[in-house]
Protein backbone atom coordinates (compact mmCIF):
# COMPACT_ATOMS: atom_id res chain seq x y z
CA MET A 1 -62.44 -65.06 -5.39
CA LYS A 2 -61.73 -62.92 -2.49
CA GLU A 3 -64.92 -60.94 -2.70
CA ASP A 4 -66.92 -64.22 -3.11
CA LEU A 5 -65.49 -65.72 0.19
CA ALA A 6 -66.19 -62.32 2.02
CA SER A 7 -69.69 -62.07 0.75
CA ARG A 8 -70.53 -65.56 2.28
CA PRO A 9 -73.08 -65.64 4.99
CA ARG A 10 -72.28 -66.30 8.49
CA TYR A 11 -71.83 -70.08 9.22
CA ALA A 12 -72.02 -70.66 5.52
CA ALA A 13 -70.58 -74.22 4.67
CA LEU A 14 -67.79 -74.84 1.90
CA ARG A 15 -66.96 -78.21 0.83
CA ARG A 16 -64.02 -79.55 -1.24
CA GLU A 17 -63.15 -76.20 -2.77
CA SER A 18 -59.77 -75.12 -3.72
CA PHE A 19 -58.21 -71.39 -2.71
CA ALA A 20 -54.65 -72.87 -3.50
CA GLY A 21 -52.30 -70.30 -4.31
CA ALA A 22 -55.01 -67.51 -4.28
CA ASP A 23 -54.46 -63.74 -3.23
CA LEU A 24 -56.62 -63.60 -0.07
CA VAL A 25 -54.59 -60.66 1.59
CA SER A 26 -56.87 -58.92 4.36
CA VAL A 27 -60.02 -60.90 3.56
CA HIS A 28 -62.64 -60.88 6.50
CA LEU A 29 -64.54 -63.89 6.81
CA ARG A 30 -67.69 -64.62 8.77
CA GLN A 31 -67.29 -67.44 10.86
CA LEU A 32 -67.52 -69.75 7.78
CA ARG A 33 -67.26 -73.69 7.85
CA PHE A 34 -64.79 -75.28 5.73
CA THR A 35 -64.36 -79.04 5.00
CA ARG A 36 -61.59 -80.71 2.76
CA CYS A 37 -60.78 -77.25 1.42
CA SER A 38 -57.25 -76.36 0.02
CA PHE A 39 -55.42 -73.23 0.94
CA ARG A 40 -52.12 -74.57 0.03
CA GLY A 41 -49.68 -71.97 -0.98
CA ALA A 42 -52.43 -68.91 -0.65
CA ASP A 43 -51.63 -65.73 0.64
CA LEU A 44 -53.95 -64.85 3.78
CA ARG A 45 -51.67 -62.26 5.24
CA HIS A 46 -53.62 -59.82 7.70
CA ALA A 47 -56.85 -61.87 7.01
CA THR A 48 -59.61 -62.05 9.75
CA LEU A 49 -60.63 -65.48 10.22
CA ASP A 50 -62.03 -65.34 13.66
CA GLY A 51 -64.56 -68.22 14.47
CA CYS A 52 -64.15 -70.04 11.39
CA THR A 53 -63.92 -74.01 11.42
CA PHE A 54 -61.61 -75.69 9.10
CA THR A 55 -61.90 -79.73 9.11
CA LEU A 56 -59.40 -81.70 7.21
CA CYS A 57 -58.16 -78.45 5.34
CA ASP A 58 -54.65 -78.35 3.58
CA PHE A 59 -52.73 -75.07 4.66
CA GLY A 60 -49.35 -76.21 3.62
CA GLY A 61 -47.05 -73.48 2.81
CA THR A 62 -49.89 -70.72 3.13
CA ARG A 63 -48.95 -67.11 4.43
CA LEU A 64 -51.04 -66.25 7.52
CA ARG A 65 -48.54 -63.65 8.80
CA GLY A 66 -50.44 -61.04 10.97
CA ALA A 67 -53.81 -62.87 10.45
CA SER A 68 -56.38 -62.96 13.01
CA LEU A 69 -57.32 -66.71 13.88
CA ARG A 70 -58.89 -65.89 17.19
CA GLY A 71 -61.22 -68.78 18.32
CA VAL A 72 -60.90 -70.65 15.04
CA SER A 73 -60.96 -74.61 15.05
CA LEU A 74 -58.63 -76.42 12.86
CA ALA A 75 -59.16 -80.18 12.93
CA GLY A 76 -57.07 -82.67 11.07
CA CYS A 77 -55.64 -80.01 9.15
CA ASP A 78 -52.18 -79.83 7.27
CA LEU A 79 -50.27 -76.65 8.46
CA THR A 80 -46.73 -77.84 7.13
CA GLY A 81 -44.54 -75.06 6.56
CA ALA A 82 -47.39 -72.44 6.96
CA ASP A 83 -46.11 -68.91 8.00
CA LEU A 84 -48.03 -67.74 11.21
CA ARG A 85 -45.62 -65.07 12.33
CA GLU A 86 -47.34 -62.32 14.45
CA ALA A 87 -50.73 -64.07 13.70
CA ASP A 88 -53.44 -64.05 16.69
CA LEU A 89 -54.31 -67.49 17.56
CA SER A 90 -56.08 -66.63 20.81
CA HIS A 91 -58.41 -69.32 22.15
CA ALA A 92 -58.03 -71.24 18.90
CA HIS A 93 -58.17 -75.09 19.07
CA LEU A 94 -55.85 -77.33 17.12
CA GLY A 95 -56.78 -80.75 17.10
CA GLN A 96 -57.86 -84.12 15.60
CA VAL A 97 -61.05 -85.59 13.63
CA ARG A 98 -61.86 -88.74 15.23
CA THR A 99 -61.79 -91.09 12.47
CA GLY A 100 -60.89 -94.51 13.86
CA LEU A 101 -58.00 -96.46 15.40
CA PRO A 102 -54.90 -95.80 15.55
CA PRO A 103 -55.54 -91.84 15.82
CA ARG A 104 -56.05 -90.52 12.23
CA GLY A 105 -56.92 -86.98 11.23
CA LEU A 106 -54.28 -85.31 13.50
CA THR A 107 -53.43 -81.77 12.62
CA ASP A 108 -49.99 -81.36 11.27
CA THR A 109 -47.91 -78.37 12.50
CA THR A 110 -44.45 -79.60 11.31
CA GLY A 111 -42.23 -76.51 10.22
CA ILE A 112 -44.53 -73.73 11.08
CA ARG A 113 -43.42 -70.28 11.85
CA LEU A 114 -44.77 -68.62 15.07
CA ASP A 115 -42.16 -65.88 15.83
CA HIS A 116 -44.32 -63.23 17.92
CA ALA A 117 -47.67 -64.98 17.39
CA VAL A 118 -50.36 -64.49 20.02
CA LEU A 119 -50.97 -67.97 21.56
CA ARG A 120 -53.10 -67.04 24.69
CA GLY A 121 -55.56 -69.85 25.50
CA LEU A 122 -54.61 -71.99 22.56
CA ASP A 123 -55.83 -75.45 22.98
CA LEU A 124 -53.91 -78.40 21.47
CA ASP A 125 -55.34 -81.95 20.97
CA GLN A 126 -52.91 -84.61 19.61
CA VAL A 127 -51.06 -82.18 17.20
CA ILE A 128 -48.17 -83.63 15.01
CA GLY A 129 -45.14 -81.51 15.36
CA TRP A 130 -45.75 -79.78 18.63
CA PRO A 131 -44.18 -78.46 20.85
CA LEU A 132 -42.03 -76.51 18.46
CA THR A 133 -38.34 -77.53 18.58
CA GLU A 134 -35.62 -75.24 17.14
């Protein structure tokens, strides 16, 4: 699975695929576009996801410790309980998918861990569970 993802060409679109529980440690992706994909419980420690786009994806309980997420877009994604310690979220965008009124498709960051994460230039747009409180 890791080799298949890493071999995808730049800007390839993936829809409704499941990577739940997968071992994707240190995978290097080329600005892929994911829509309604599940990464629930996957291990993405030290992965390079720079410039990838995630729309309505499930990252609940995903391990992203030390991952590079520079310039990623997470729109309407579920990040509840994700481990983003030491991750680089420089210039990333966490926001919503405009799906009608009242606001639906909001990114949920409830319970994420961000200890020592790089948040320089992070852009937030109506994110649930932010600002983080202890």
